[in-house]
Protein backbone atom coordinates (compact mmCIF):
# COMPACT_ATOMS: atom_id res chain seq x y z
CA MET A 1 -1.17 -120.43 2.54
CA ARG A 2 -4.28 -118.19 2.27
CA GLY A 3 -2.83 -115.98 4.96
CA ALA A 4 0.33 -115.52 2.91
CA VAL A 5 -1.67 -114.56 -0.18
CA ARG A 6 -3.78 -112.01 1.80
CA GLY A 7 -0.52 -110.56 3.15
CA ARG A 8 0.96 -110.16 -0.28
CA ARG A 9 -2.23 -108.47 -1.56
CA ARG A 10 -2.28 -106.06 1.39
CA GLY A 11 1.33 -105.15 0.66
CA ALA A 12 0.58 -104.59 -3.01
CA VAL A 13 -2.25 -102.26 -2.09
CA LEU A 14 -0.02 -100.33 0.24
CA VAL A 15 2.69 -100.00 -2.44
CA LEU A 16 0.13 -98.82 -5.01
CA ALA A 17 -1.25 -96.28 -2.60
CA ALA A 18 2.24 -95.00 -1.92
CA VAL A 19 2.93 -94.64 -5.64
CA VAL A 20 -0.31 -92.74 -6.16
CA LEU A 21 0.46 -90.45 -3.25
CA ALA A 22 3.99 -89.93 -4.52
CA GLY A 23 2.64 -88.99 -7.96
CA CYS A 24 0.23 -86.46 -6.47
CA GLY A 25 2.73 -84.81 -4.15
CA GLY A 26 5.78 -84.70 -6.41
CA GLU A 27 4.73 -81.48 -8.36
CA ALA A 28 6.10 -78.30 -6.67
CA PRO A 29 3.52 -75.67 -5.60
CA VAL A 30 3.30 -72.44 -7.66
CA PRO A 31 4.86 -69.60 -5.60
CA VAL A 32 2.66 -66.59 -4.70
CA ALA A 33 4.24 -63.11 -4.84
CA ALA A 34 4.61 -61.50 -1.43
CA PRO A 35 3.13 -58.05 -0.76
CA THR A 36 5.53 -55.27 -1.70
CA GLY A 37 4.76 -53.19 1.40
CA THR A 38 3.71 -50.04 -0.60
CA THR A 39 0.20 -48.58 -0.85
CA THR A 40 -1.36 -45.99 -3.18
CA ALA A 41 -2.11 -42.75 -1.30
CA ALA A 42 -5.60 -41.39 -1.44
CA PRO A 43 -5.84 -38.31 -3.69
CA THR A 44 -5.63 -35.02 -1.81
CA THR A 45 -7.22 -31.61 -2.61
CA ALA A 46 -5.10 -28.46 -2.15
CA ALA A 47 -6.47 -25.94 0.30
CA PRO A 48 -8.11 -23.01 -1.51
CA VAL A 49 -5.98 -19.88 -1.72
CA THR A 50 -7.82 -16.84 -0.39
CA THR A 51 -6.86 -13.34 -1.48
CA ALA A 52 -7.68 -10.49 0.84
CA ALA A 53 -9.98 -7.89 -0.64
CA PRO A 54 -8.14 -4.65 -1.43
CA GLN A 55 -8.49 -1.86 1.12
CA PRO A 56 -11.09 0.62 -0.13
CA VAL A 57 -9.92 4.21 -0.49
CA ALA A 58 -11.77 7.51 -0.68
CA PRO A 59 -11.93 8.44 -4.39
CA LEU A 60 -10.91 12.09 -3.98
CA THR A 61 -8.14 11.64 -1.39
CA GLY A 62 -6.77 8.12 -1.91
CA LEU A 63 -6.89 7.60 1.87
CA PRO A 64 -7.91 4.16 3.22
CA VAL A 65 -11.48 3.97 4.50
CA SER A 66 -13.62 1.20 5.95
CA ALA A 67 -16.09 1.81 3.12
CA VAL A 68 -16.48 4.46 0.45
CA GLU A 69 -19.25 6.91 1.32
CA ALA A 70 -22.21 6.17 -0.93
CA ARG A 71 -22.72 9.73 -2.09
CA ALA A 72 -21.78 11.98 -4.96
CA ALA A 73 -19.19 14.73 -4.84
CA LEU A 74 -20.43 18.19 -3.89
CA ALA A 75 -18.66 21.23 -5.36
CA VAL A 76 -19.34 24.55 -3.60
CA LYS A 77 -18.35 28.02 -4.78
CA ILE A 78 -16.75 29.89 -1.84
CA GLU A 79 -15.45 33.46 -1.85
CA ASN A 80 -12.04 34.55 -0.60
CA PRO A 81 -11.65 38.32 -0.12
CA ALA A 82 -10.56 39.48 3.33
CA VAL A 83 -14.16 40.19 4.34
CA ALA A 84 -15.06 36.51 3.78
CA ARG A 85 -12.31 35.06 5.96
CA PRO A 86 -12.19 32.80 7.86
CA GLN A 87 -14.44 30.54 5.82
CA ALA A 88 -16.56 27.72 7.26
CA GLY A 89 -15.99 24.11 6.23
CA LEU A 90 -12.89 24.78 4.14
CA THR A 91 -10.70 22.25 5.98
CA GLU A 92 -13.12 19.36 5.44
CA ALA A 93 -12.89 19.56 1.63
CA ASP A 94 -11.17 16.73 -0.23
CA VAL A 95 -10.04 19.02 -3.05
CA VAL A 96 -10.03 22.84 -3.35
CA TRP A 97 -9.50 24.75 -6.59
CA GLU A 98 -8.44 28.42 -6.44
CA GLN A 99 -9.23 30.67 -9.40
CA VAL A 100 -8.95 34.36 -10.27
CA VAL A 101 -12.21 36.26 -10.78
CA GLU A 102 -12.97 39.90 -11.59
CA GLY A 103 -10.96 42.54 -9.79
CA GLY A 104 -8.12 40.04 -9.30
CA ILE A 105 -9.61 38.48 -6.17
CA SER A 106 -9.71 34.69 -5.89
CA ARG A 107 -12.55 32.28 -5.27
CA PHE A 108 -12.60 28.60 -4.41
CA VAL A 109 -14.41 25.58 -5.75
CA ALA A 110 -14.32 23.32 -2.67
CA VAL A 111 -15.17 19.67 -3.31
CA TYR A 112 -16.60 17.39 -0.60
CA GLN A 113 -17.18 13.64 -0.59
CA SER A 114 -15.36 11.77 2.17
CA ARG A 115 -16.29 14.30 4.89
CA LEU A 116 -19.15 16.76 5.28
CA PRO A 117 -19.00 19.81 7.55
CA ALA A 118 -22.16 21.14 9.18
CA SER A 119 -21.82 24.49 7.39
CA ILE A 120 -19.99 25.77 4.29
CA GLY A 121 -19.48 29.35 3.23
CA PRO A 122 -19.69 32.17 2.46
CA VAL A 123 -21.14 30.82 -0.79
CA ARG A 124 -20.86 33.05 -3.86
CA SER A 125 -21.81 33.02 -7.53
CA THR A 126 -20.51 30.79 -10.28
CA ARG A 127 -18.03 31.69 -13.03
CA PRO A 128 -17.47 30.45 -16.62
CA MET A 129 -14.62 28.02 -15.74
CA ASP A 130 -16.59 26.19 -13.04
CA PRO A 131 -18.09 23.52 -15.35
CA ALA A 132 -14.62 22.49 -16.56
CA ILE A 133 -13.50 22.15 -12.93
CA ALA A 134 -16.52 20.28 -11.57
CA ALA A 135 -17.97 18.39 -14.56
CA PRO A 136 -15.55 15.41 -14.19
CA LEU A 137 -17.11 14.75 -10.78
CA HIS A 138 -20.63 14.19 -12.22
CA GLY A 139 -22.06 15.32 -8.89
CA LEU A 140 -23.72 18.30 -7.22
CA PHE A 141 -22.82 21.98 -7.61
CA ALA A 142 -23.81 24.68 -5.12
CA THR A 143 -23.68 28.42 -5.75
CA SER A 144 -25.37 31.57 -4.53
CA GLY A 145 -26.39 32.35 -8.12
CA GLY A 146 -24.76 33.88 -11.16
CA GLN A 147 -25.40 35.03 -14.69
CA GLY A 148 -27.89 32.87 -16.56
CA GLN A 149 -25.42 31.72 -19.19
CA TYR A 150 -23.04 30.42 -16.53
CA LEU A 151 -25.74 28.67 -14.55
CA SER A 152 -27.01 27.03 -17.74
CA ALA A 153 -23.47 25.88 -18.52
CA VAL A 154 -23.23 24.19 -15.11
CA SER A 155 -26.44 22.25 -15.72
CA ALA A 156 -25.44 21.41 -19.30
CA SER A 157 -22.17 19.91 -18.05
CA GLY A 158 -24.05 17.11 -16.28
CA LEU A 159 -23.95 18.54 -12.76
CA GLN A 160 -27.05 18.94 -10.59
CA LEU A 161 -27.28 22.66 -9.83
CA PHE A 162 -28.40 24.12 -6.50
CA SER A 163 -28.70 27.88 -6.08
CA PHE A 164 -29.50 30.26 -3.22
CA ASP A 165 -31.08 32.74 -5.64
CA ALA A 166 -33.36 29.97 -6.96
CA GLY A 167 -34.67 29.33 -3.44
CA ASP A 168 -33.22 25.82 -3.12
CA ASP A 169 -33.20 24.28 0.34
CA GLY A 170 -30.00 24.24 2.36
CA PHE A 171 -28.97 27.90 1.93
CA ALA A 172 -29.45 30.65 4.50
CA ARG A 173 -28.07 34.05 5.40
CA GLN A 174 -26.44 33.99 8.81
CA GLY A 175 -23.73 35.54 10.94
CA PRO A 176 -22.56 39.11 11.42
CA ARG A 177 -21.26 39.80 7.91
CA PRO A 178 -23.29 41.98 5.56
CA ALA A 179 -24.78 40.63 2.33
CA PRO A 180 -23.62 39.22 0.00
CA HIS A 181 -20.92 37.74 2.25
CA ASN A 182 -23.28 35.83 4.56
CA VAL A 183 -24.78 32.96 2.54
CA TYR A 184 -24.01 29.59 4.12
CA LEU A 185 -24.90 26.07 3.10
CA ASP A 186 -26.03 22.95 4.96
CA PRO A 187 -24.71 20.19 2.64
CA ALA A 188 -27.01 17.54 4.10
CA ALA A 189 -30.01 19.30 2.56
CA LEU A 190 -28.52 19.09 -0.91
CA TYR A 191 -27.76 15.39 -0.60
CA ALA A 192 -31.35 14.80 0.48
CA ALA A 193 -32.48 16.52 -2.72
CA ALA A 194 -30.02 14.77 -5.06
CA ASP A 195 -31.75 13.04 -7.96
CA ALA A 196 -31.18 9.44 -9.02
CA ASP A 197 -28.51 10.44 -11.55
CA HIS A 198 -26.38 12.22 -8.94
CA ARG A 199 -25.95 9.80 -6.07
CA THR A 200 -22.88 7.87 -7.18
CA PRO A 201 -19.38 8.44 -5.76
CA PRO A 202 -17.03 10.17 -8.21
CA ALA A 203 -14.15 8.59 -10.05
CA PRO A 204 -10.65 9.48 -8.77
CA GLN A 205 -9.41 12.78 -10.19
CA PHE A 206 -5.70 12.23 -9.47
CA GLY A 207 -3.30 9.31 -9.08
CA TYR A 208 -1.97 8.42 -5.63
CA ALA A 209 1.21 6.65 -4.59
CA PRO A 210 0.47 3.10 -3.36
CA THR A 211 3.12 3.21 -0.62
CA ALA A 212 5.04 5.87 1.27
CA GLY A 213 8.07 7.11 -0.59
CA THR A 214 6.72 6.35 -4.07
CA GLN A 215 5.27 9.81 -4.69
CA THR A 216 6.54 11.45 -7.85
CA THR A 217 8.19 14.27 -5.90
CA VAL A 218 10.25 11.75 -3.93
CA ALA A 219 11.43 9.90 -7.03
CA GLN A 220 11.99 12.88 -9.34
CA GLY A 221 11.70 16.10 -7.31
CA THR A 222 13.88 18.31 -5.15
CA ALA A 223 13.53 19.44 -1.54
CA ALA A 224 11.56 22.63 -0.91
CA SER A 225 10.36 24.44 2.19
CA GLY A 226 7.64 26.45 0.49
CA VAL A 227 5.88 27.70 -2.61
CA ASP A 228 4.91 31.37 -3.11
CA LEU A 229 2.21 32.18 -5.64
CA GLN A 230 1.04 35.41 -7.27
CA LEU A 231 -2.35 34.91 -8.87
CA SER A 232 -2.92 38.65 -9.22
CA PRO A 233 -1.80 41.88 -7.52
CA VAL A 234 -4.36 41.22 -4.76
CA ALA A 235 -4.19 37.41 -4.52
CA ALA A 236 -0.87 36.06 -3.21
CA PRO A 237 -1.25 32.79 -1.30
CA SER A 238 1.76 30.83 -0.09
CA TRP A 239 2.41 27.34 1.26
CA ARG A 240 5.01 26.22 3.79
CA TRP A 241 6.03 22.62 4.50
CA ASP A 242 5.45 21.40 8.06
CA PRO A 243 7.72 18.34 8.54
CA VAL A 244 6.00 17.38 11.81
CA ALA A 245 2.42 17.44 10.53
CA ARG A 246 3.67 16.45 7.04
CA THR A 247 1.33 18.94 5.38
CA TRP A 248 1.61 22.23 3.55
CA ALA A 249 0.26 25.15 5.61
CA ARG A 250 -1.45 27.99 3.74
CA SER A 251 -1.01 31.71 4.27
CA GLU A 252 -2.85 34.66 2.74
CA ALA A 253 -0.46 37.54 2.05
CA GLY A 254 1.80 36.30 4.83
CA THR A 255 -0.95 35.64 7.38
CA PRO A 256 -1.57 31.99 8.35
CA ALA A 257 -4.94 30.87 6.99
CA THR A 258 -7.48 29.26 9.31
CA ALA A 259 -11.03 28.07 8.97
CA ALA A 260 -13.91 29.53 10.98
CA ASP A 261 -13.34 26.94 13.73
CA GLY A 262 -9.70 28.00 14.10
CA VAL A 263 -8.22 24.94 12.40
CA PRO A 264 -5.26 25.82 10.13
CA VAL A 265 -5.84 25.46 6.41
CA THR A 266 -3.47 22.77 5.15
CA ALA A 267 -3.02 20.42 2.21
CA THR A 268 -1.23 17.14 1.68
CA ASP A 269 -0.59 18.05 -1.96
CA VAL A 270 -0.43 21.40 -3.74
CA VAL A 271 -0.89 21.23 -7.52
CA VAL A 272 -0.01 24.42 -9.42
CA LEU A 273 -1.26 24.77 -13.00
CA ARG A 274 -0.13 27.63 -15.22
CA VAL A 275 -3.25 28.62 -17.14
CA GLU A 276 -4.41 31.16 -19.70
CA VAL A 277 -6.96 33.64 -18.36
CA VAL A 278 -8.98 35.74 -20.80
CA ALA A 279 -11.62 38.44 -20.41
CA THR A 280 -15.14 37.49 -21.49
CA ASP A 281 -17.80 39.81 -22.87
CA ALA A 282 -19.65 39.67 -19.55
CA VAL A 283 -19.17 42.17 -16.73
CA ASP A 284 -19.93 42.05 -13.02
CA PRO A 285 -22.29 44.53 -11.30
CA ALA A 286 -19.34 46.91 -10.82
CA GLY A 287 -18.58 46.87 -14.54
CA ASN A 288 -15.45 44.70 -14.31
CA PRO A 289 -14.90 42.19 -17.13
CA VAL A 290 -15.54 38.61 -15.99
CA PRO A 291 -12.38 36.53 -16.61
CA GLU A 292 -12.39 32.92 -17.74
CA THR A 293 -9.67 30.37 -17.04
CA LEU A 294 -9.25 28.20 -20.14
CA LEU A 295 -9.02 24.52 -19.23
CA ALA A 296 -10.95 22.25 -21.63
CA GLY A 297 -8.84 21.18 -24.59
CA ARG A 298 -5.78 22.88 -23.13
CA SER A 299 -2.40 21.93 -21.71
CA GLY A 300 0.44 23.69 -19.95
CA GLU A 301 3.21 23.59 -17.40
CA GLY A 302 2.89 23.30 -13.65
CA LEU A 303 4.31 22.18 -10.36
CA VAL A 304 3.44 19.59 -7.74
CA ALA A 305 4.43 19.97 -4.09
CA THR A 306 4.26 16.81 -1.98
CA ALA A 307 6.16 15.51 1.06
CA GLY A 308 8.43 18.54 1.34
CA ARG A 309 9.54 18.31 -2.27
CA THR A 310 8.47 19.81 -5.60
CA VAL A 311 8.63 18.57 -9.17
CA PRO A 312 7.83 20.34 -12.47
CA ILE A 313 4.98 18.75 -14.40
CA THR A 314 2.88 19.20 -17.50
CA TRP A 315 -0.90 19.08 -17.48
CA THR A 316 -3.47 18.22 -20.13
CA LYS A 317 -7.25 18.37 -20.13
CA GLY A 318 -9.37 16.89 -22.90
CA ALA A 319 -13.10 17.57 -23.03
CA GLU A 320 -14.92 19.51 -20.33
CA GLY A 321 -15.93 16.30 -18.55
CA ASP A 322 -12.42 14.81 -18.53
CA PRO A 323 -10.21 15.10 -15.43
CA ILE A 324 -6.89 16.88 -15.74
CA ALA A 325 -3.94 14.57 -16.42
CA LEU A 326 -0.65 15.34 -14.67
CA VAL A 327 2.58 14.09 -16.25
CA ALA A 328 5.99 13.85 -14.56
CA PRO A 329 9.32 14.82 -16.20
CA ASP A 330 9.96 11.18 -17.21
CA GLY A 331 6.58 10.96 -18.94
CA SER A 332 4.88 8.88 -16.24
CA PRO A 333 1.60 9.86 -14.55
CA VAL A 334 2.11 11.97 -11.44
CA LEU A 335 1.46 10.14 -8.15
CA LEU A 336 0.40 12.33 -5.23
CA ALA A 337 0.49 11.44 -1.55
CA PRO A 338 -2.90 10.26 -0.30
CA GLY A 339 -4.69 13.15 1.38
CA THR A 340 -6.23 16.54 0.61
CA THR A 341 -5.27 18.49 -2.51
CA TRP A 342 -5.32 22.19 -3.38
CA VAL A 343 -5.19 23.09 -7.06
CA GLU A 344 -3.85 26.59 -7.75
CA LEU A 345 -4.75 28.08 -11.16
CA VAL A 346 -2.00 30.64 -11.74
CA PRO A 347 -2.32 32.89 -14.83
CA THR A 348 0.59 32.59 -17.25
CA GLY A 349 0.64 36.32 -17.91
CA SER A 350 0.16 38.15 -14.62
CA GLY A 351 0.93 35.29 -12.21
CA SER A 352 4.13 33.83 -10.87
CA VAL A 353 5.35 30.73 -9.02
CA THR A 354 8.37 30.78 -6.74
CA VAL A 355 9.78 27.68 -5.05
CA VAL A 356 11.44 28.36 -1.69
CA PRO A 357 14.41 25.99 -1.11
């Protein structure tokens, strides 16, 4: 009897335990969201874009250089009668200006910056238009001498003046020619004597085409094989296009021009400016009136010869220290071919310009 009671109690306990367990396990578990399989990418930083530094170019030629020479421009007055030819150092000039002086002969203002020859000459005296030619360079000016008013004008224009007559270093008489056709210059001596205000490279004086074929003569000009100039009855230079060398070769009265070392005188660009030339009150030792080419505050017509082609242009010059601006027929600035430039100042009255097809 007791055994039966204990059995019933044990069964009741088991049933109660089962009910409790059933109550605890009957509630469904809360589901957990599964991973989606996507991840957020780590932020990335774009690689820096590097721009190559522009290729430096020589300021007075537009030609590419590894570095611009850290020196000022040097303008040298060089004579050009037959007795002075062939001249030394003429082919190393970046720019050469040709002007008419007394007696109708021509003289040069040769400008150096990217290259320096060992010797330059024969060096002669300055003239009244030289400050307007060289002042925009803000550099050095070398001459054998000249009238006091013209030398003072060179200094007043902001140029540093060096003169043989003043006894400045770098000048010497040499060679077989008689005086005054035998003054030559060592340009290194002048650069050594340059003051602190005249050691900076010049600003460009002309515009240059950025790529081949974009010169103004190519876009707006016509083909030409040569240009004949008459500066005066005794000064008649000419230029002929050399398609192989791609330069204009100079002749003096029909004779090919060479420098003292035998190298032909050539130019990448020939710029012809029609200018007014007037007689001043001054005279030379022979009694001839000293002419002046009027440039500052003036304008006129002209011609540019580049890459075997020519184009008519107009030119304008503001103040004495401003460079000459060249304008194409469509009103855009003239773009030359990078290289050496000769500027021919042809009088409007007595001079002439003939393009050879």
